[in-house]
N, C-alpha and C. Protein backbone atom coordinates (compact mmCIF):
# COMPACT_ATOMS: atom_id res chain seq x y z
N UNK A 1 -11.77 -25.53 -10.54
CA UNK A 1 -11.06 -24.52 -9.59
C UNK A 1 -11.59 -24.91 -8.15
N UNK A 2 -10.68 -24.80 -7.22
CA UNK A 2 -10.99 -25.00 -5.83
C UNK A 2 -11.47 -23.63 -5.29
N UNK A 3 -12.29 -23.75 -4.25
CA UNK A 3 -12.96 -22.66 -3.46
C UNK A 3 -11.87 -21.99 -2.47
N UNK A 4 -11.94 -20.74 -2.43
CA UNK A 4 -11.24 -20.06 -1.48
C UNK A 4 -12.00 -19.84 -0.16
N UNK A 5 -11.14 -19.53 0.88
CA UNK A 5 -11.75 -19.27 2.13
C UNK A 5 -12.62 -18.01 2.10
N UNK A 6 -13.73 -18.11 2.62
CA UNK A 6 -14.86 -17.19 2.66
C UNK A 6 -14.29 -15.91 3.34
N UNK A 7 -14.57 -14.67 2.80
CA UNK A 7 -14.26 -13.44 3.54
C UNK A 7 -15.46 -12.97 4.50
N UNK A 8 -15.53 -11.91 5.08
CA UNK A 8 -14.36 -11.01 4.98
C UNK A 8 -13.17 -11.44 5.69
N UNK A 9 -11.94 -10.91 5.15
CA UNK A 9 -10.70 -11.26 5.80
C UNK A 9 -10.38 -9.97 6.48
N UNK A 10 -9.64 -10.08 7.67
CA UNK A 10 -9.09 -8.92 8.48
C UNK A 10 -7.70 -9.11 8.67
N UNK A 11 -6.91 -7.96 8.66
CA UNK A 11 -5.69 -7.71 8.72
C UNK A 11 -5.23 -7.54 10.41
N UNK A 12 -4.47 -8.45 10.75
CA UNK A 12 -4.08 -8.37 12.45
C UNK A 12 -2.70 -8.36 12.47
N UNK A 13 -2.19 -7.17 12.90
CA UNK A 13 -0.88 -6.99 13.25
C UNK A 13 -0.44 -7.87 14.39
N UNK A 14 0.63 -8.48 14.53
CA UNK A 14 1.01 -9.35 15.67
C UNK A 14 2.44 -8.98 16.01
N UNK A 15 2.74 -8.68 17.10
CA UNK A 15 4.28 -8.21 17.45
C UNK A 15 4.74 -9.39 18.43
N UNK A 16 5.95 -9.97 17.98
CA UNK A 16 6.49 -10.88 18.58
C UNK A 16 8.05 -10.62 18.47
N UNK A 17 8.71 -10.77 19.78
CA UNK A 17 10.09 -10.36 19.89
C UNK A 17 10.39 -8.99 19.25
N UNK A 18 9.52 -8.09 19.44
CA UNK A 18 9.80 -6.67 19.00
C UNK A 18 9.56 -6.57 17.57
N UNK A 19 9.25 -7.71 16.71
CA UNK A 19 8.97 -7.46 15.23
C UNK A 19 7.44 -7.72 15.01
N UNK A 20 6.85 -6.90 14.16
CA UNK A 20 5.54 -6.95 13.71
C UNK A 20 5.27 -7.83 12.49
N UNK A 21 4.54 -8.70 12.80
CA UNK A 21 4.10 -9.68 11.67
C UNK A 21 2.56 -9.44 11.14
N UNK A 22 2.20 -9.79 10.01
CA UNK A 22 1.06 -9.49 9.62
C UNK A 22 0.12 -10.80 9.38
N UNK A 23 -0.89 -11.00 10.05
CA UNK A 23 -1.65 -12.11 9.92
C UNK A 23 -3.18 -11.68 9.36
N UNK A 24 -3.59 -12.65 8.50
CA UNK A 24 -4.71 -12.46 7.72
C UNK A 24 -5.76 -13.39 8.38
N UNK A 25 -6.88 -12.85 9.12
CA UNK A 25 -7.82 -13.70 9.79
C UNK A 25 -9.10 -13.64 9.03
N UNK A 26 -9.72 -14.91 8.97
CA UNK A 26 -10.97 -15.14 8.24
C UNK A 26 -12.14 -14.65 9.07
N UNK A 27 -13.31 -14.66 8.76
CA UNK A 27 -14.47 -14.02 9.23
C UNK A 27 -14.91 -14.89 10.51
N UNK A 28 -14.46 -16.17 10.28
CA UNK A 28 -14.78 -17.16 11.58
C UNK A 28 -13.55 -17.23 12.45
N UNK A 29 -12.51 -16.30 12.55
CA UNK A 29 -11.66 -16.21 13.43
C UNK A 29 -10.42 -17.13 13.26
N UNK A 30 -10.27 -17.82 12.10
CA UNK A 30 -8.94 -18.51 11.86
C UNK A 30 -8.10 -17.63 11.12
N UNK A 31 -6.74 -17.99 11.44
CA UNK A 31 -5.75 -17.26 10.54
C UNK A 31 -5.45 -18.08 9.34
N UNK A 32 -5.61 -17.24 8.16
CA UNK A 32 -5.46 -18.00 6.87
C UNK A 32 -4.21 -17.82 6.19
N UNK A 33 -3.57 -16.80 6.67
CA UNK A 33 -2.17 -16.53 6.13
C UNK A 33 -1.33 -15.62 7.07
N UNK A 34 -0.05 -15.64 6.86
CA UNK A 34 0.87 -14.96 7.59
C UNK A 34 1.79 -14.35 6.54
N UNK A 35 1.77 -13.06 6.55
CA UNK A 35 2.81 -12.41 5.43
C UNK A 35 4.19 -11.96 5.96
N UNK A 36 5.07 -12.19 5.03
CA UNK A 36 6.38 -11.88 5.35
C UNK A 36 6.86 -10.98 4.10
N UNK A 37 7.49 -10.02 4.43
CA UNK A 37 8.04 -9.01 3.28
C UNK A 37 9.23 -9.72 2.70
N UNK A 38 9.64 -9.59 1.43
CA UNK A 38 10.71 -9.91 0.77
C UNK A 38 11.64 -8.67 0.69
N UNK A 39 10.91 -7.51 0.69
CA UNK A 39 11.54 -6.23 0.69
C UNK A 39 11.11 -5.57 2.10
N UNK A 40 11.91 -5.09 2.90
CA UNK A 40 11.58 -4.51 4.22
C UNK A 40 10.42 -3.42 3.90
N UNK A 41 9.46 -3.45 4.59
CA UNK A 41 8.48 -2.41 4.72
C UNK A 41 7.34 -2.60 3.82
N UNK A 42 7.32 -3.74 2.89
CA UNK A 42 6.30 -4.08 2.00
C UNK A 42 5.21 -5.21 2.65
N UNK A 43 5.61 -5.74 3.75
CA UNK A 43 4.75 -6.78 4.37
C UNK A 43 3.51 -6.19 4.72
N UNK A 44 3.24 -5.00 5.31
CA UNK A 44 1.94 -4.60 5.49
C UNK A 44 1.24 -4.33 4.31
N UNK A 45 1.76 -3.64 3.37
CA UNK A 45 1.04 -3.16 2.16
C UNK A 45 0.58 -4.56 1.44
N UNK A 46 1.55 -5.66 1.47
CA UNK A 46 1.16 -6.90 0.84
C UNK A 46 -0.04 -7.59 1.58
N UNK A 47 0.00 -7.47 2.95
CA UNK A 47 -1.01 -8.00 3.88
C UNK A 47 -2.35 -7.35 3.52
N UNK A 48 -2.31 -6.05 3.28
CA UNK A 48 -3.65 -5.34 3.01
C UNK A 48 -4.28 -5.71 1.61
N UNK A 49 -3.44 -5.99 0.59
CA UNK A 49 -3.96 -6.31 -0.67
C UNK A 49 -4.52 -7.81 -0.43
N UNK A 50 -3.85 -8.64 0.24
CA UNK A 50 -4.45 -9.93 0.37
C UNK A 50 -5.80 -10.03 1.14
N UNK A 51 -5.69 -9.21 2.29
CA UNK A 51 -6.85 -9.09 3.13
C UNK A 51 -8.10 -8.51 2.31
N UNK A 52 -7.83 -7.71 1.29
CA UNK A 52 -8.95 -7.10 0.48
C UNK A 52 -9.52 -8.10 -0.71
N UNK A 53 -8.59 -9.24 -0.93
CA UNK A 53 -8.87 -10.00 -2.16
C UNK A 53 -10.40 -10.52 -2.11
N UNK A 54 -10.98 -10.94 -1.09
CA UNK A 54 -12.47 -11.48 -1.19
C UNK A 54 -13.34 -10.19 -1.49
N UNK A 55 -13.08 -9.18 -0.98
CA UNK A 55 -14.01 -7.87 -1.28
C UNK A 55 -13.80 -7.46 -2.64
N UNK A 56 -12.63 -7.54 -3.14
CA UNK A 56 -12.29 -7.12 -4.54
C UNK A 56 -12.88 -8.02 -5.47
N UNK A 57 -12.84 -9.29 -5.20
CA UNK A 57 -13.48 -10.46 -6.06
C UNK A 57 -15.08 -10.24 -6.15
N UNK A 58 -15.58 -9.98 -5.12
CA UNK A 58 -17.02 -9.77 -4.93
C UNK A 58 -17.35 -8.51 -5.68
N UNK A 59 -16.66 -7.46 -5.59
CA UNK A 59 -17.08 -6.23 -6.14
C UNK A 59 -16.90 -6.43 -7.66
N UNK A 60 -15.78 -6.99 -8.03
CA UNK A 60 -15.66 -7.30 -9.58
C UNK A 60 -16.90 -8.01 -10.24
N UNK A 61 -17.20 -9.09 -9.39
CA UNK A 61 -18.28 -10.04 -9.95
C UNK A 61 -19.53 -9.08 -9.95
N UNK A 62 -19.83 -8.46 -9.04
CA UNK A 62 -21.23 -7.72 -8.93
C UNK A 62 -21.16 -6.58 -10.17
N UNK A 63 -19.97 -5.99 -10.29
CA UNK A 63 -19.87 -5.05 -11.43
C UNK A 63 -20.15 -5.61 -12.78
N UNK A 64 -19.42 -6.62 -13.08
CA UNK A 64 -19.51 -7.47 -14.23
C UNK A 64 -20.81 -7.90 -14.50
N UNK A 65 -21.55 -8.27 -13.43
CA UNK A 65 -22.93 -8.73 -13.66
C UNK A 65 -23.73 -7.75 -14.28
N UNK A 66 -23.47 -6.51 -14.03
CA UNK A 66 -24.23 -5.08 -14.53
C UNK A 66 -23.68 -4.44 -15.72
N UNK A 67 -22.52 -4.92 -16.18
CA UNK A 67 -21.55 -4.11 -17.07
C UNK A 67 -22.37 -3.90 -18.32
N UNK A 68 -23.21 -4.74 -18.79
CA UNK A 68 -23.84 -4.50 -20.11
C UNK A 68 -25.33 -4.20 -19.98
N UNK A 69 -25.76 -3.81 -18.73
CA UNK A 69 -27.09 -3.73 -18.47
C UNK A 69 -27.24 -2.05 -18.84
N UNK A 70 -27.99 -1.89 -19.96
CA UNK A 70 -28.13 -0.60 -20.41
C UNK A 70 -29.26 0.23 -19.61
N UNK A 71 -29.92 -0.46 -18.86
CA UNK A 71 -30.88 0.33 -17.98
C UNK A 71 -30.57 0.07 -16.50
N UNK A 72 -29.44 0.08 -16.15
CA UNK A 72 -28.98 0.17 -14.77
C UNK A 72 -29.66 1.28 -13.98
N UNK A 73 -30.39 0.98 -12.87
CA UNK A 73 -30.87 2.23 -12.20
C UNK A 73 -29.78 2.74 -11.42
N UNK A 74 -30.03 4.13 -10.89
CA UNK A 74 -29.18 4.83 -10.04
C UNK A 74 -28.87 4.16 -8.74
N UNK A 75 -29.75 3.73 -8.01
CA UNK A 75 -29.36 3.15 -6.76
C UNK A 75 -28.44 1.86 -6.95
N UNK A 76 -28.46 1.08 -7.93
CA UNK A 76 -27.64 0.01 -8.26
C UNK A 76 -26.20 0.28 -8.65
N UNK A 77 -26.26 1.32 -9.57
CA UNK A 77 -25.02 1.99 -9.94
C UNK A 77 -24.24 2.61 -8.75
N UNK A 78 -25.00 3.19 -7.80
CA UNK A 78 -24.31 3.78 -6.68
C UNK A 78 -23.83 2.81 -5.68
N UNK A 79 -24.60 1.67 -5.62
CA UNK A 79 -24.16 0.56 -4.69
C UNK A 79 -22.97 -0.27 -5.18
N UNK A 80 -22.93 -0.38 -6.64
CA UNK A 80 -21.73 -1.00 -7.02
C UNK A 80 -20.55 -0.09 -6.87
N UNK A 81 -20.66 1.22 -7.10
CA UNK A 81 -19.74 2.22 -7.00
C UNK A 81 -19.08 2.22 -5.45
N UNK A 82 -20.01 2.20 -4.71
CA UNK A 82 -19.66 2.17 -3.20
C UNK A 82 -18.91 0.78 -2.74
N UNK A 83 -19.46 -0.25 -3.37
CA UNK A 83 -18.72 -1.62 -2.97
C UNK A 83 -17.36 -1.64 -3.67
N UNK A 84 -17.22 -1.15 -4.80
CA UNK A 84 -15.90 -1.07 -5.42
C UNK A 84 -14.97 -0.18 -4.59
N UNK A 85 -15.27 1.09 -4.30
CA UNK A 85 -14.62 2.09 -3.55
C UNK A 85 -14.32 1.53 -2.08
N UNK A 86 -15.06 0.79 -1.41
CA UNK A 86 -14.65 0.10 -0.17
C UNK A 86 -13.55 -0.91 -0.30
N UNK A 87 -13.73 -1.66 -1.32
CA UNK A 87 -12.67 -2.82 -1.52
C UNK A 87 -11.23 -2.15 -1.77
N UNK A 88 -11.42 -1.15 -2.73
CA UNK A 88 -10.03 -0.41 -3.12
C UNK A 88 -9.44 0.15 -1.81
N UNK A 89 -10.45 0.87 -1.00
CA UNK A 89 -9.82 1.46 0.12
C UNK A 89 -9.26 0.49 1.18
N UNK A 90 -9.92 -0.58 1.26
CA UNK A 90 -9.30 -1.81 2.15
C UNK A 90 -8.06 -2.28 1.70
N UNK A 91 -7.83 -2.52 0.36
CA UNK A 91 -6.68 -2.81 -0.40
C UNK A 91 -5.54 -1.82 -0.17
N UNK A 92 -5.87 -0.48 0.07
CA UNK A 92 -4.84 0.50 0.16
C UNK A 92 -4.61 0.95 1.47
N UNK A 93 -5.42 0.32 2.49
CA UNK A 93 -5.17 0.74 3.94
C UNK A 93 -6.04 1.79 4.56
N UNK A 94 -7.09 1.94 3.75
CA UNK A 94 -8.03 3.08 4.27
C UNK A 94 -9.26 2.46 5.01
N UNK A 95 -9.20 1.07 5.16
CA UNK A 95 -10.32 0.26 5.87
C UNK A 95 -9.96 -0.82 6.36
N UNK A 96 -10.47 -1.57 7.16
CA UNK A 96 -10.15 -2.85 7.92
C UNK A 96 -11.40 -3.50 7.83
């Protein structure tokens, strides 16, 4: 499997000729994707999901690593919960 571009990714609205496009920028400042909507109004939501992908992947991996840990301590559980909550909020537009 090939490696993906490292996160965090950030959503950057870009207005051109009166229309807003949504660009996904990498942590090092490069634009990795430009999102177009196939249905009007879905472009921003699609861009948010794509922007959150590295965060969601990291949160899933971290949670999976502790899934069967019968003796997970409270701080670790709280940290995993917070990481998942932040990633979901980013995907839903609550955080950039």
